[in-house]
Amino acid sequence: MCNLYNVTTSQEAIRQWTRALRDIVGNLEPSIDIYPNQPAPVVRNAADGSRELARLRWGMPTPAERVRGNADSGTTNIRNPQYAHWLPYLGVENRCVVPVTSFAEPSPTPGDKDPETGVQKNFWFALNEERPLFFFAGLWTTWHGVRKVKEGPGDHELYGFLTTRPNALIAPIHEKAMPVILTTHEQTELWLTAPWPEARKLQQPAPDDALVIVEKPATQIKFPAEPPAQGSLF
């Protein structure tokens, strides 16, 4: 499942694409890596009917029977929206789109470490080498509970996004799922406005040629390469 993605774009680009009339996200960093249980930008249908760019926390409420321990760190990816737990969130009032320019899936090879990060290697996917903006098809909700034990209970606004079976590019790396991606204005409008029987048709794999594998974003380079040695002066 996708548990890491990058957003390298501007707030204006997100607003223009989605026709968001209100922006409460604050200052969006030029390039950010998003991990589970962290805040990130989404465009949602707000309670007053406005389309709004906001920061929500990644991870929808987990089904009670699957919560382990005293905190619910959230469910990032939603594979089966017809599962009873997800049914209350399928209306347009709980739909959102999640801006993204590239996303990662870990290498399936055990011990395949990235020498620049020191952790398991990720494969990164984007629409092309220029990494233009696209979106994940998401759901969002308000929630009261404990995300981290040290934080205690609190009020949260949460989001997650749908997954589907992988296409031919992703299947060798992650054989079970890929995010549901929206690559046109028409698709994002459909997801944000259509009745569920119509919107659910978007939950399908991206065409096999829709994505390419790209280098990891610069934000992922934790240990920069050593500068070339300078020649001695005599």
Protein backbone atom coordinates (compact mmCIF):
# COMPACT_ATOMS: atom_id res chain seq x y z
CA MET A 1 0.00 0.00 0.00
CA CYS A 2 1.06 3.59 -0.52
CA ASN A 3 2.30 5.03 2.78
CA LEU A 4 4.51 7.79 1.39
CA TYR A 5 3.98 10.41 -1.29
CA ASN A 6 5.37 13.78 -2.29
CA VAL A 7 3.71 17.05 -3.25
CA THR A 8 5.86 19.48 -5.23
CA THR A 9 3.51 22.15 -6.53
CA SER A 10 1.87 25.44 -5.56
CA GLN A 11 -1.34 26.20 -3.73
CA GLU A 12 -2.48 28.20 -6.74
CA ALA A 13 -2.09 25.19 -9.02
CA ILE A 14 -4.17 23.05 -6.65
CA ARG A 15 -6.86 25.73 -6.33
CA GLN A 16 -7.09 26.31 -10.07
CA TRP A 17 -7.35 22.60 -10.87
CA THR A 18 -10.05 21.90 -8.29
CA ARG A 19 -11.82 25.29 -8.37
CA ALA A 20 -11.39 25.60 -4.63
CA LEU A 21 -12.82 28.94 -3.53
CA ARG A 22 -11.44 28.88 0.00
CA ASP A 23 -7.90 28.20 1.16
CA ILE A 24 -7.26 27.57 4.87
CA VAL A 25 -4.10 25.51 4.45
CA GLY A 26 -1.69 28.28 5.49
CA ASN A 27 1.66 28.38 3.71
CA LEU A 28 2.27 25.17 1.75
CA GLU A 29 5.90 24.13 1.52
CA PRO A 30 7.27 24.01 -2.05
CA SER A 31 7.99 20.28 -1.69
CA ILE A 32 6.81 18.01 1.11
CA ASP A 33 6.92 14.30 1.85
CA ILE A 34 3.73 12.97 3.40
CA TYR A 35 3.78 10.06 5.84
CA PRO A 36 0.88 8.41 7.72
CA ASN A 37 -0.61 10.30 10.66
CA GLN A 38 0.81 13.62 9.44
CA PRO A 39 -1.09 16.71 8.21
CA ALA A 40 -1.29 17.24 4.47
CA PRO A 41 -3.25 19.35 1.95
CA VAL A 42 -6.55 18.05 0.55
CA VAL A 43 -9.41 19.68 -1.32
CA ARG A 44 -12.76 18.78 0.23
CA ASN A 45 -16.42 19.54 0.12
CA ALA A 46 -16.76 21.59 3.31
CA ALA A 47 -19.78 21.57 5.61
CA ASP A 48 -21.17 24.81 4.13
CA GLY A 49 -20.94 23.43 0.59
CA SER A 50 -17.82 25.36 -0.37
CA ARG A 51 -14.89 23.65 -2.02
CA GLU A 52 -11.97 24.15 0.33
CA LEU A 53 -8.22 23.57 0.40
CA ALA A 54 -7.31 22.51 3.94
CA ARG A 55 -4.79 20.47 5.94
CA LEU A 56 -6.07 17.19 7.34
CA ARG A 57 -4.34 14.32 9.09
CA TRP A 58 -3.59 11.23 7.00
CA GLY A 59 -5.44 8.16 8.27
CA MET A 60 -9.18 7.61 8.48
CA PRO A 61 -10.72 6.09 11.64
CA THR A 62 -9.89 2.39 11.76
CA PRO A 63 -12.69 -0.17 12.16
CA ALA A 64 -13.01 -0.82 15.89
CA GLU A 65 -12.27 -4.53 15.56
CA ARG A 66 -8.91 -3.74 13.97
CA VAL A 67 -7.65 -1.16 16.48
CA ARG A 68 -4.73 -2.44 18.52
CA GLY A 69 -3.77 -0.78 21.79
CA ASN A 70 -4.97 2.54 23.19
CA ALA A 71 -4.55 4.67 20.07
CA ASP A 72 -5.87 4.57 16.52
CA SER A 73 -3.08 5.73 14.22
CA GLY A 74 -5.51 5.61 11.29
CA THR A 75 -6.19 3.71 8.09
CA THR A 76 -4.39 5.36 5.19
CA ASN A 77 -5.68 3.27 2.27
CA ILE A 78 -9.26 2.09 1.66
CA ARG A 79 -9.60 -0.94 -0.60
CA ASN A 80 -13.22 -1.98 -0.02
CA PRO A 81 -15.50 1.08 0.30
CA GLN A 82 -18.55 -1.22 0.47
CA TYR A 83 -17.34 -2.53 3.84
CA ALA A 84 -19.89 -1.42 6.47
CA HIS A 85 -17.38 0.79 8.28
CA TRP A 86 -16.85 2.98 5.21
CA LEU A 87 -20.45 3.35 4.04
CA PRO A 88 -21.15 6.52 6.10
CA TYR A 89 -18.28 8.31 4.33
CA LEU A 90 -19.21 7.71 0.69
CA GLY A 91 -21.44 10.75 0.11
CA VAL A 92 -20.11 13.89 -1.57
CA GLU A 93 -19.96 15.66 1.81
CA ASN A 94 -17.17 13.27 2.84
CA ARG A 95 -15.23 13.14 -0.41
CA CYS A 96 -11.96 14.90 -1.07
CA VAL A 97 -9.11 14.85 -3.56
CA VAL A 98 -5.52 14.57 -2.41
CA PRO A 99 -2.87 16.47 -4.43
CA VAL A 100 0.25 14.48 -5.29
CA THR A 101 3.11 14.66 -7.77
CA SER A 102 4.79 11.33 -6.99
CA PHE A 103 4.19 8.38 -4.69
CA ALA A 104 6.28 5.53 -3.37
CA GLU A 105 6.03 1.78 -3.00
CA PRO A 106 8.77 -0.10 -1.13
CA SER A 107 11.00 -2.55 -2.93
CA PRO A 108 9.66 -6.11 -2.56
CA THR A 109 13.23 -7.43 -2.19
CA PRO A 110 14.17 -7.98 1.47
CA GLY A 111 17.17 -5.96 2.57
CA ASP A 112 17.14 -3.75 -0.53
CA LYS A 113 18.48 -0.63 1.17
CA ASP A 114 18.75 2.82 -0.38
CA PRO A 115 22.34 3.96 0.27
CA GLU A 116 21.28 7.61 0.47
CA THR A 117 18.54 7.10 3.05
CA GLY A 118 19.65 3.98 4.90
CA VAL A 119 16.15 2.46 4.77
CA GLN A 120 14.34 0.06 2.47
CA LYS A 121 14.49 1.30 -1.11
CA ASN A 122 11.35 2.88 -2.54
CA PHE A 123 10.20 2.93 -6.14
CA TRP A 124 8.68 6.31 -7.00
CA PHE A 125 5.88 6.80 -9.54
CA ALA A 126 4.74 9.93 -11.37
CA LEU A 127 2.82 10.82 -14.51
CA ASN A 128 6.08 11.64 -16.28
CA GLU A 129 9.60 12.87 -15.52
CA GLU A 130 8.34 16.42 -14.96
CA ARG A 131 6.04 15.16 -12.16
CA PRO A 132 2.91 17.16 -12.93
CA LEU A 133 0.07 17.47 -10.45
CA PHE A 134 -2.58 14.77 -10.12
CA PHE A 135 -4.84 13.58 -7.31
CA PHE A 136 -5.82 10.57 -5.25
CA ALA A 137 -9.55 9.90 -4.78
CA GLY A 138 -10.06 10.43 -1.06
CA LEU A 139 -12.53 10.41 1.82
CA TRP A 140 -12.44 12.64 4.89
CA THR A 141 -14.22 13.03 8.23
CA THR A 142 -14.13 14.70 11.62
CA TRP A 143 -13.25 12.37 14.52
CA HIS A 144 -12.67 12.49 18.25
CA GLY A 145 -10.19 10.05 19.72
CA VAL A 146 -6.56 9.19 20.41
CA ARG A 147 -4.12 9.18 17.48
CA LYS A 148 -1.02 8.99 19.64
CA VAL A 149 -1.04 7.96 23.31
CA LYS A 150 1.26 10.84 24.29
CA GLU A 151 -1.19 13.33 22.72
CA GLY A 152 -4.27 12.01 24.49
CA PRO A 153 -7.80 12.36 23.09
CA GLY A 154 -8.59 15.21 20.73
CA ASP A 155 -10.69 16.43 17.84
CA HIS A 156 -9.26 15.65 14.41
CA GLU A 157 -10.02 16.07 10.72
CA LEU A 158 -8.84 12.97 8.91
CA TYR A 159 -8.51 11.67 5.36
CA GLY A 160 -7.54 8.55 3.46
CA PHE A 161 -7.69 7.50 -0.17
CA LEU A 162 -9.00 4.60 -2.20
CA THR A 163 -6.87 1.86 -3.66
CA THR A 164 -7.58 -0.68 -6.37
CA ARG A 165 -5.77 -3.58 -8.04
CA PRO A 166 -2.38 -2.61 -9.50
CA ASN A 167 -1.67 -1.96 -13.15
CA ALA A 168 1.12 -3.69 -15.07
CA LEU A 169 3.77 -1.17 -13.97
CA ILE A 170 3.08 -1.40 -10.24
CA ALA A 171 2.14 -5.09 -9.92
CA PRO A 172 5.75 -6.40 -9.91
CA ILE A 173 6.53 -4.01 -7.03
CA HIS A 174 3.26 -4.12 -5.12
CA GLU A 175 1.13 -7.02 -6.23
CA LYS A 176 -1.96 -6.21 -4.15
CA ALA A 177 -2.94 -2.59 -4.75
CA MET A 178 -2.28 0.87 -6.13
CA PRO A 179 -3.91 4.24 -5.31
CA VAL A 180 -6.93 5.38 -7.30
CA ILE A 181 -5.51 8.28 -9.31
CA LEU A 182 -7.38 11.15 -10.94
CA THR A 183 -5.49 12.75 -13.82
CA THR A 184 -8.09 15.01 -15.48
CA HIS A 185 -10.33 17.86 -14.38
CA GLU A 186 -13.33 15.77 -15.38
CA GLN A 187 -12.31 12.95 -13.05
CA THR A 188 -11.80 15.24 -10.07
CA GLU A 189 -15.18 16.89 -10.68
CA LEU A 190 -16.84 13.52 -10.95
CA TRP A 191 -15.32 12.33 -7.69
CA LEU A 192 -16.32 15.49 -5.82
CA THR A 193 -19.86 15.82 -7.15
CA ALA A 194 -21.33 12.60 -8.53
CA PRO A 195 -23.66 10.18 -6.72
CA TRP A 196 -21.77 7.20 -5.33
CA PRO A 197 -22.89 4.65 -7.96
CA GLU A 198 -21.28 6.87 -10.59
CA ALA A 199 -18.26 8.01 -8.58
CA ARG A 200 -17.30 4.47 -7.60
CA LYS A 201 -16.55 3.68 -11.27
CA LEU A 202 -13.34 5.67 -10.79
CA GLN A 203 -12.02 2.93 -8.51
CA GLN A 204 -10.05 1.13 -11.17
CA PRO A 205 -6.37 0.74 -12.05
CA ALA A 206 -4.67 3.50 -13.98
CA PRO A 207 -3.87 2.57 -17.58
CA ASP A 208 -0.60 0.69 -17.84
CA ASP A 209 1.08 3.66 -19.54
CA ALA A 210 -0.31 6.33 -17.19
CA LEU A 211 2.69 6.31 -14.83
CA VAL A 212 6.46 6.03 -15.06
CA ILE A 213 9.13 5.22 -12.49
CA VAL A 214 11.13 8.31 -11.51
CA GLU A 215 14.01 9.12 -9.19
CA LYS A 216 13.10 9.84 -5.58
CA PRO A 217 12.38 13.52 -4.85
CA ALA A 218 15.18 15.68 -3.49
CA THR A 219 13.42 15.75 -0.11
CA GLN A 220 14.26 12.05 0.27
CA ILE A 221 18.03 12.49 0.00
CA LYS A 222 19.05 12.39 3.65
CA PHE A 223 22.77 11.85 3.16
CA PRO A 224 24.02 14.05 0.30
CA ALA A 225 26.85 12.67 -1.78
CA GLU A 226 30.36 13.73 -0.79
CA PRO A 227 31.65 16.63 -2.92
CA PRO A 228 34.38 15.70 -5.38
CA ALA A 229 37.88 15.93 -3.96
CA GLN A 230 39.73 19.09 -4.89
CA GLY A 231 43.10 18.81 -6.59
CA SER A 232 46.16 19.70 -4.55
CA LEU A 233 47.76 23.04 -5.16
CA PHE A 234 51.53 23.15 -5.55
